[in-house]
Amino acid sequence: MESLEKQALQVAKEIVVKFIEVGRISPANFAEHFAEIYTEILSTVGGGAASSPAKANKHKDKAE
């Protein structure tokens, strides 16, 4: 696992833990949310494209 992936994994873990602490995510549905959060963080810090066309259009509109 590359350093960037390890850092994204750590950040995703911290975010999910914080969401559990504030009640936004329950430990029972942790698995449903973790992969999506990790993927989004990895694409953001890796400079990848937005994960969906709708998000890409939303960011494009803000830039104009």
PDB file of N, CA and C in Angstrom:
ATOM      1  N   MET A   1       0.854  -1.175   0.000  1.00  0.00           N
ATOM      2  CA  MET A   1       0.000   0.000   0.000  1.00  0.00           C
ATOM      3  C   MET A   1       0.901   1.239   0.000  1.00  0.00           C
ATOM      4  N   GLU A   2       0.609   2.135  -0.902  1.00  0.00           N
ATOM      5  CA  GLU A   2       1.405   3.346  -1.014  1.00  0.00           C
ATOM      6  C   GLU A   2       1.113   4.302   0.137  1.00  0.00           C
ATOM      7  N   SER A   3       2.017   5.240   0.324  1.00  0.00           N
ATOM      8  CA  SER A   3       1.881   6.210   1.414  1.00  0.00           C
ATOM      9  C   SER A   3       0.580   7.009   1.294  1.00  0.00           C
ATOM     10  N   LEU A   4       0.233   7.427   0.078  1.00  0.00           N
ATOM     11  CA  LEU A   4      -0.984   8.200  -0.126  1.00  0.00           C
ATOM     12  C   LEU A   4      -2.217   7.385   0.268  1.00  0.00           C
ATOM     13  N   GLU A   5      -2.209   6.109  -0.073  1.00  0.00           N
ATOM     14  CA  GLU A   5      -3.326   5.243   0.292  1.00  0.00           C
ATOM     15  C   GLU A   5      -3.411   5.057   1.801  1.00  0.00           C
ATOM     16  N   LYS A   6      -2.266   4.931   2.456  1.00  0.00           N
ATOM     17  CA  LYS A   6      -2.249   4.795   3.918  1.00  0.00           C
ATOM     18  C   LYS A   6      -2.791   6.055   4.578  1.00  0.00           C
ATOM     19  N   GLN A   7      -2.387   7.212   4.069  1.00  0.00           N
ATOM     20  CA  GLN A   7      -2.868   8.469   4.633  1.00  0.00           C
ATOM     21  C   GLN A   7      -4.373   8.623   4.412  1.00  0.00           C
ATOM     22  N   ALA A   8      -4.849   8.263   3.223  1.00  0.00           N
ATOM     23  CA  ALA A   8      -6.285   8.339   2.941  1.00  0.00           C
ATOM     24  C   ALA A   8      -7.060   7.386   3.846  1.00  0.00           C
ATOM     25  N   LEU A   9      -6.503   6.211   4.081  1.00  0.00           N
ATOM     26  CA  LEU A   9      -7.126   5.241   4.969  1.00  0.00           C
ATOM     27  C   LEU A   9      -7.226   5.790   6.390  1.00  0.00           C
ATOM     28  N   GLN A  10      -6.163   6.419   6.862  1.00  0.00           N
ATOM     29  CA  GLN A  10      -6.154   6.992   8.213  1.00  0.00           C
ATOM     30  C   GLN A  10      -7.174   8.127   8.336  1.00  0.00           C
ATOM     31  N   VAL A  11      -7.226   8.997   7.339  1.00  0.00           N
ATOM     32  CA  VAL A  11      -8.180  10.108   7.365  1.00  0.00           C
ATOM     33  C   VAL A  11      -9.612   9.579   7.318  1.00  0.00           C
ATOM     34  N   ALA A  12      -9.862   8.596   6.464  1.00  0.00           N
ATOM     35  CA  ALA A  12     -11.201   8.013   6.378  1.00  0.00           C
ATOM     36  C   ALA A  12     -11.603   7.407   7.716  1.00  0.00           C
ATOM     37  N   LYS A  13     -10.670   6.724   8.359  1.00  0.00           N
ATOM     38  CA  LYS A  13     -10.949   6.131   9.663  1.00  0.00           C
ATOM     39  C   LYS A  13     -11.305   7.209  10.686  1.00  0.00           C
ATOM     40  N   GLU A  14     -10.548   8.291  10.698  1.00  0.00           N
ATOM     41  CA  GLU A  14     -10.812   9.371  11.655  1.00  0.00           C
ATOM     42  C   GLU A  14     -12.164  10.019  11.397  1.00  0.00           C
ATOM     43  N   ILE A  15     -12.504  10.206  10.131  1.00  0.00           N
ATOM     44  CA  ILE A  15     -13.797  10.809   9.795  1.00  0.00           C
ATOM     45  C   ILE A  15     -14.942   9.898  10.229  1.00  0.00           C
ATOM     46  N   VAL A  16     -14.822   8.608   9.938  1.00  0.00           N
ATOM     47  CA  VAL A  16     -15.879   7.673  10.308  1.00  0.00           C
ATOM     48  C   VAL A  16     -16.025   7.600  11.827  1.00  0.00           C
ATOM     49  N   VAL A  17     -14.916   7.577  12.545  1.00  0.00           N
ATOM     50  CA  VAL A  17     -14.976   7.562  14.007  1.00  0.00           C
ATOM     51  C   VAL A  17     -15.684   8.818  14.524  1.00  0.00           C
ATOM     52  N   LYS A  18     -15.359   9.964  13.955  1.00  0.00           N
ATOM     53  CA  LYS A  18     -16.016  11.211  14.369  1.00  0.00           C
ATOM     54  C   LYS A  18     -17.516  11.152  14.064  1.00  0.00           C
ATOM     55  N   PHE A  19     -17.882  10.636  12.891  1.00  0.00           N
ATOM     56  CA  PHE A  19     -19.299  10.502  12.553  1.00  0.00           C
ATOM     57  C   PHE A  19     -20.010   9.557  13.522  1.00  0.00           C
ATOM     58  N   ILE A  20     -19.348   8.507  13.947  1.00  0.00           N
ATOM     59  CA  ILE A  20     -19.935   7.598  14.929  1.00  0.00           C
ATOM     60  C   ILE A  20     -20.114   8.321  16.262  1.00  0.00           C
ATOM     61  N   GLU A  21     -19.111   9.105  16.666  1.00  0.00           N
ATOM     62  CA  GLU A  21     -19.192   9.839  17.935  1.00  0.00           C
ATOM     63  C   GLU A  21     -20.349  10.822  17.959  1.00  0.00           C
ATOM     64  N   VAL A  22     -20.621  11.476  16.826  1.00  0.00           N
ATOM     65  CA  VAL A  22     -21.690  12.476  16.803  1.00  0.00           C
ATOM     66  C   VAL A  22     -23.037  11.892  16.386  1.00  0.00           C
ATOM     67  N   GLY A  23     -23.066  10.579  16.100  1.00  0.00           N
ATOM     68  CA  GLY A  23     -24.321   9.916  15.813  1.00  0.00           C
ATOM     69  C   GLY A  23     -24.758   9.928  14.360  1.00  0.00           C
ATOM     70  N   ARG A  24     -23.911  10.373  13.444  1.00  0.00           N
ATOM     71  CA  ARG A  24     -24.276  10.392  12.020  1.00  0.00           C
ATOM     72  C   ARG A  24     -24.205   8.998  11.406  1.00  0.00           C
ATOM     73  N   ILE A  25     -23.319   8.160  11.928  1.00  0.00           N
ATOM     74  CA  ILE A  25     -23.158   6.781  11.471  1.00  0.00           C
ATOM     75  C   ILE A  25     -23.196   5.902  12.717  1.00  0.00           C
ATOM     76  N   SER A  26     -23.839   4.748  12.600  1.00  0.00           N
ATOM     77  CA  SER A  26     -23.820   3.818  13.725  1.00  0.00           C
ATOM     78  C   SER A  26     -22.796   2.732  13.433  1.00  0.00           C
ATOM     79  N   PRO A  27     -22.241   2.120  14.470  1.00  0.00           N
ATOM     80  CA  PRO A  27     -21.296   1.024  14.237  1.00  0.00           C
ATOM     81  C   PRO A  27     -21.899  -0.102  13.397  1.00  0.00           C
ATOM     82  N   ALA A  28     -23.209  -0.250  13.447  1.00  0.00           N
ATOM     83  CA  ALA A  28     -23.873  -1.308  12.688  1.00  0.00           C
ATOM     84  C   ALA A  28     -23.804  -1.067  11.176  1.00  0.00           C
ATOM     85  N   ASN A  29     -23.803   0.198  10.740  1.00  0.00           N
ATOM     86  CA  ASN A  29     -23.752   0.470   9.301  1.00  0.00           C
ATOM     87  C   ASN A  29     -22.417   1.085   8.863  1.00  0.00           C
ATOM     88  N   PHE A  30     -21.396   0.876   9.655  1.00  0.00           N
ATOM     89  CA  PHE A  30     -20.046   1.348   9.359  1.00  0.00           C
ATOM     90  C   PHE A  30     -19.573   0.925   7.969  1.00  0.00           C
ATOM     91  N   ALA A  31     -19.756  -0.337   7.641  1.00  0.00           N
ATOM     92  CA  ALA A  31     -19.259  -0.883   6.372  1.00  0.00           C
ATOM     93  C   ALA A  31     -19.916  -0.221   5.168  1.00  0.00           C
ATOM     94  N   GLU A  32     -21.159   0.202   5.317  1.00  0.00           N
ATOM     95  CA  GLU A  32     -21.866   0.854   4.218  1.00  0.00           C
ATOM     96  C   GLU A  32     -21.231   2.187   3.857  1.00  0.00           C
ATOM     97  N   HIS A  33     -20.650   2.866   4.824  1.00  0.00           N
ATOM     98  CA  HIS A  33     -20.147   4.218   4.599  1.00  0.00           C
ATOM     99  C   HIS A  33     -18.641   4.306   4.415  1.00  0.00           C
ATOM    100  N   PHE A  34     -17.896   3.409   5.021  1.00  0.00           N
ATOM    101  CA  PHE A  34     -16.439   3.539   5.024  1.00  0.00           C
ATOM    102  C   PHE A  34     -15.839   3.537   3.628  1.00  0.00           C
ATOM    103  N   ALA A  35     -16.236   2.587   2.788  1.00  0.00           N
ATOM    104  CA  ALA A  35     -15.654   2.482   1.447  1.00  0.00           C
ATOM    105  C   ALA A  35     -15.918   3.743   0.627  1.00  0.00           C
ATOM    106  N   GLU A  36     -17.109   4.279   0.729  1.00  0.00           N
ATOM    107  CA  GLU A  36     -17.448   5.496  -0.016  1.00  0.00           C
ATOM    108  C   GLU A  36     -16.616   6.688   0.462  1.00  0.00           C
ATOM    109  N   ILE A  37     -16.460   6.823   1.765  1.00  0.00           N
ATOM    110  CA  ILE A  37     -15.661   7.923   2.319  1.00  0.00           C
ATOM    111  C   ILE A  37     -14.201   7.774   1.913  1.00  0.00           C
ATOM    112  N   TYR A  38     -13.664   6.564   2.034  1.00  0.00           N
ATOM    113  CA  TYR A  38     -12.269   6.309   1.658  1.00  0.00           C
ATOM    114  C   TYR A  38     -12.034   6.613   0.178  1.00  0.00           C
ATOM    115  N   THR A  39     -12.925   6.144  -0.684  1.00  0.00           N
ATOM    116  CA  THR A  39     -12.782   6.371  -2.118  1.00  0.00           C
ATOM    117  C   THR A  39     -12.814   7.858  -2.443  1.00  0.00           C
ATOM    118  N   GLU A  40     -13.703   8.583  -1.818  1.00  0.00           N
ATOM    119  CA  GLU A  40     -13.815  10.023  -2.066  1.00  0.00           C
ATOM    120  C   GLU A  40     -12.555  10.765  -1.606  1.00  0.00           C
ATOM    121  N   ILE A  41     -12.037  10.400  -0.453  1.00  0.00           N
ATOM    122  CA  ILE A  41     -10.802  11.027   0.049  1.00  0.00           C
ATOM    123  C   ILE A  41      -9.641  10.712  -0.879  1.00  0.00           C
ATOM    124  N   LEU A  42      -9.517   9.469  -1.275  1.00  0.00           N
ATOM    125  CA  LEU A  42      -8.422   9.060  -2.152  1.00  0.00           C
ATOM    126  C   LEU A  42      -8.486   9.785  -3.489  1.00  0.00           C
ATOM    127  N   SER A  43      -9.672   9.934  -4.055  1.00  0.00           N
ATOM    128  CA  SER A  43      -9.780  10.643  -5.329  1.00  0.00           C
ATOM    129  C   SER A  43      -9.497  12.136  -5.159  1.00  0.00           C
ATOM    130  N   THR A  44      -9.842  12.681  -4.004  1.00  0.00           N
ATOM    131  CA  THR A  44      -9.599  14.096  -3.758  1.00  0.00           C
ATOM    132  C   THR A  44      -8.118  14.387  -3.568  1.00  0.00           C
ATOM    133  N   VAL A  45      -7.454  13.647  -2.716  1.00  0.00           N
ATOM    134  CA  VAL A  45      -6.033  13.920  -2.455  1.00  0.00           C
ATOM    135  C   VAL A  45      -5.146  13.423  -3.577  1.00  0.00           C
ATOM    136  N   GLY A  46      -5.635  12.450  -4.335  1.00  0.00           N
ATOM    137  CA  GLY A  46      -4.855  11.924  -5.445  1.00  0.00           C
ATOM    138  C   GLY A  46      -4.994  12.748  -6.705  1.00  0.00           C
ATOM    139  N   GLY A  47      -5.862  13.755  -6.664  1.00  0.00           N
ATOM    140  CA  GLY A  47      -6.062  14.599  -7.828  1.00  0.00           C
ATOM    141  C   GLY A  47      -6.895  13.938  -8.897  1.00  0.00           C
ATOM    142  N   GLY A  48      -7.577  12.847  -8.530  1.00  0.00           N
ATOM    143  CA  GLY A  48      -8.406  12.139  -9.497  1.00  0.00           C
ATOM    144  C   GLY A  48      -9.648  12.928  -9.824  1.00  0.00           C
ATOM    145  N   ALA A  49     -10.340  12.470 -10.841  1.00  0.00           N
ATOM    146  CA  ALA A  49     -11.586  13.105 -11.250  1.00  0.00           C
ATOM    147  C   ALA A  49     -12.644  12.870 -10.185  1.00  0.00           C
ATOM    148  N   ALA A  50     -13.678  13.680 -10.218  1.00  0.00           N
ATOM    149  CA  ALA A  50     -14.790  13.499  -9.290  1.00  0.00           C
ATOM    150  C   ALA A  50     -15.382  12.118  -9.497  1.00  0.00           C
ATOM    151  N   SER A  51     -15.966  11.566  -8.456  1.00  0.00           N
ATOM    152  CA  SER A  51     -16.445  10.192  -8.511  1.00  0.00           C
ATOM    153  C   SER A  51     -17.718  10.022  -9.325  1.00  0.00           C
ATOM    154  N   SER A  52     -18.381  11.113  -9.671  1.00  0.00           N
ATOM    155  CA  SER A  52     -19.581  10.996 -10.493  1.00  0.00           C
ATOM    156  C   SER A  52     -19.691  12.207 -11.405  1.00  0.00           C
ATOM    157  N   PRO A  53     -20.360  12.059 -12.546  1.00  0.00           N
ATOM    158  CA  PRO A  53     -20.520  13.191 -13.457  1.00  0.00           C
ATOM    159  C   PRO A  53     -21.273  14.351 -12.817  1.00  0.00           C
ATOM    160  N   ALA A  54     -22.237  14.059 -11.964  1.00  0.00           N
ATOM    161  CA  ALA A  54     -22.992  15.132 -11.302  1.00  0.00           C
ATOM    162  C   ALA A  54     -22.070  15.983 -10.450  1.00  0.00           C
ATOM    163  N   LYS A  55     -21.155  15.343  -9.728  1.00  0.00           N
ATOM    164  CA  LYS A  55     -20.208  16.095  -8.914  1.00  0.00           C
ATOM    165  C   LYS A  55     -19.269  16.907  -9.792  1.00  0.00           C
ATOM    166  N   ALA A  56     -18.849  16.341 -10.909  1.00  0.00           N
ATOM    167  CA  ALA A  56     -17.954  17.054 -11.818  1.00  0.00           C
ATOM    168  C   ALA A  56     -18.640  18.302 -12.339  1.00  0.00           C
ATOM    169  N   ASN A  57     -19.912  18.189 -12.710  1.00  0.00           N
ATOM    170  CA  ASN A  57     -20.659  19.352 -13.205  1.00  0.00           C
ATOM    171  C   ASN A  57     -20.865  20.385 -12.111  1.00  0.00           C
ATOM    172  N   LYS A  58     -21.103  19.922 -10.904  1.00  0.00           N
ATOM    173  CA  LYS A  58     -21.311  20.846  -9.777  1.00  0.00           C
ATOM    174  C   LYS A  58     -20.053  21.668  -9.538  1.00  0.00           C
ATOM    175  N   HIS A  59     -18.882  21.002  -9.555  1.00  0.00           N
ATOM    176  CA  HIS A  59     -17.621  21.717  -9.352  1.00  0.00           C
ATOM    177  C   HIS A  59     -17.327  22.644 -10.519  1.00  0.00           C
ATOM    178  N   LYS A  60     -17.677  22.232 -11.718  1.00  0.00           N
ATOM    179  CA  LYS A  60     -17.447  23.050 -12.908  1.00  0.00           C
ATOM    180  C   LYS A  60     -18.279  24.331 -12.827  1.00  0.00           C
ATOM    181  N   ASP A  61     -19.550  24.202 -12.410  1.00  0.00           N
ATOM    182  CA  ASP A  61     -20.419  25.367 -12.308  1.00  0.00           C
ATOM    183  C   ASP A  61     -19.891  26.372 -11.290  1.00  0.00           C
ATOM    184  N   LYS A  62     -19.350  25.901 -10.192  1.00  0.00           N
ATOM    185  CA  LYS A  62     -18.816  26.791  -9.158  1.00  0.00           C
ATOM    186  C   LYS A  62     -17.607  27.566  -9.661  1.00  0.00           C
ATOM    187  N   ALA A  63     -16.821  26.939 -10.542  1.00  0.00           N
ATOM    188  CA  ALA A  63     -15.605  27.568 -11.034  1.00  0.00           C
ATOM    189  C   ALA A  63     -15.899  28.681 -12.024  1.00  0.00           C
ATOM    190  N   GLU A  64     -17.054  28.627 -12.674  1.00  0.00           N
ATOM    191  CA  GLU A  64     -17.368  29.618 -13.707  1.00  0.00           C
ATOM    192  C   GLU A  64     -17.846  30.907 -13.154  1.00  0.00           C
TER     193      GLU A  64
END
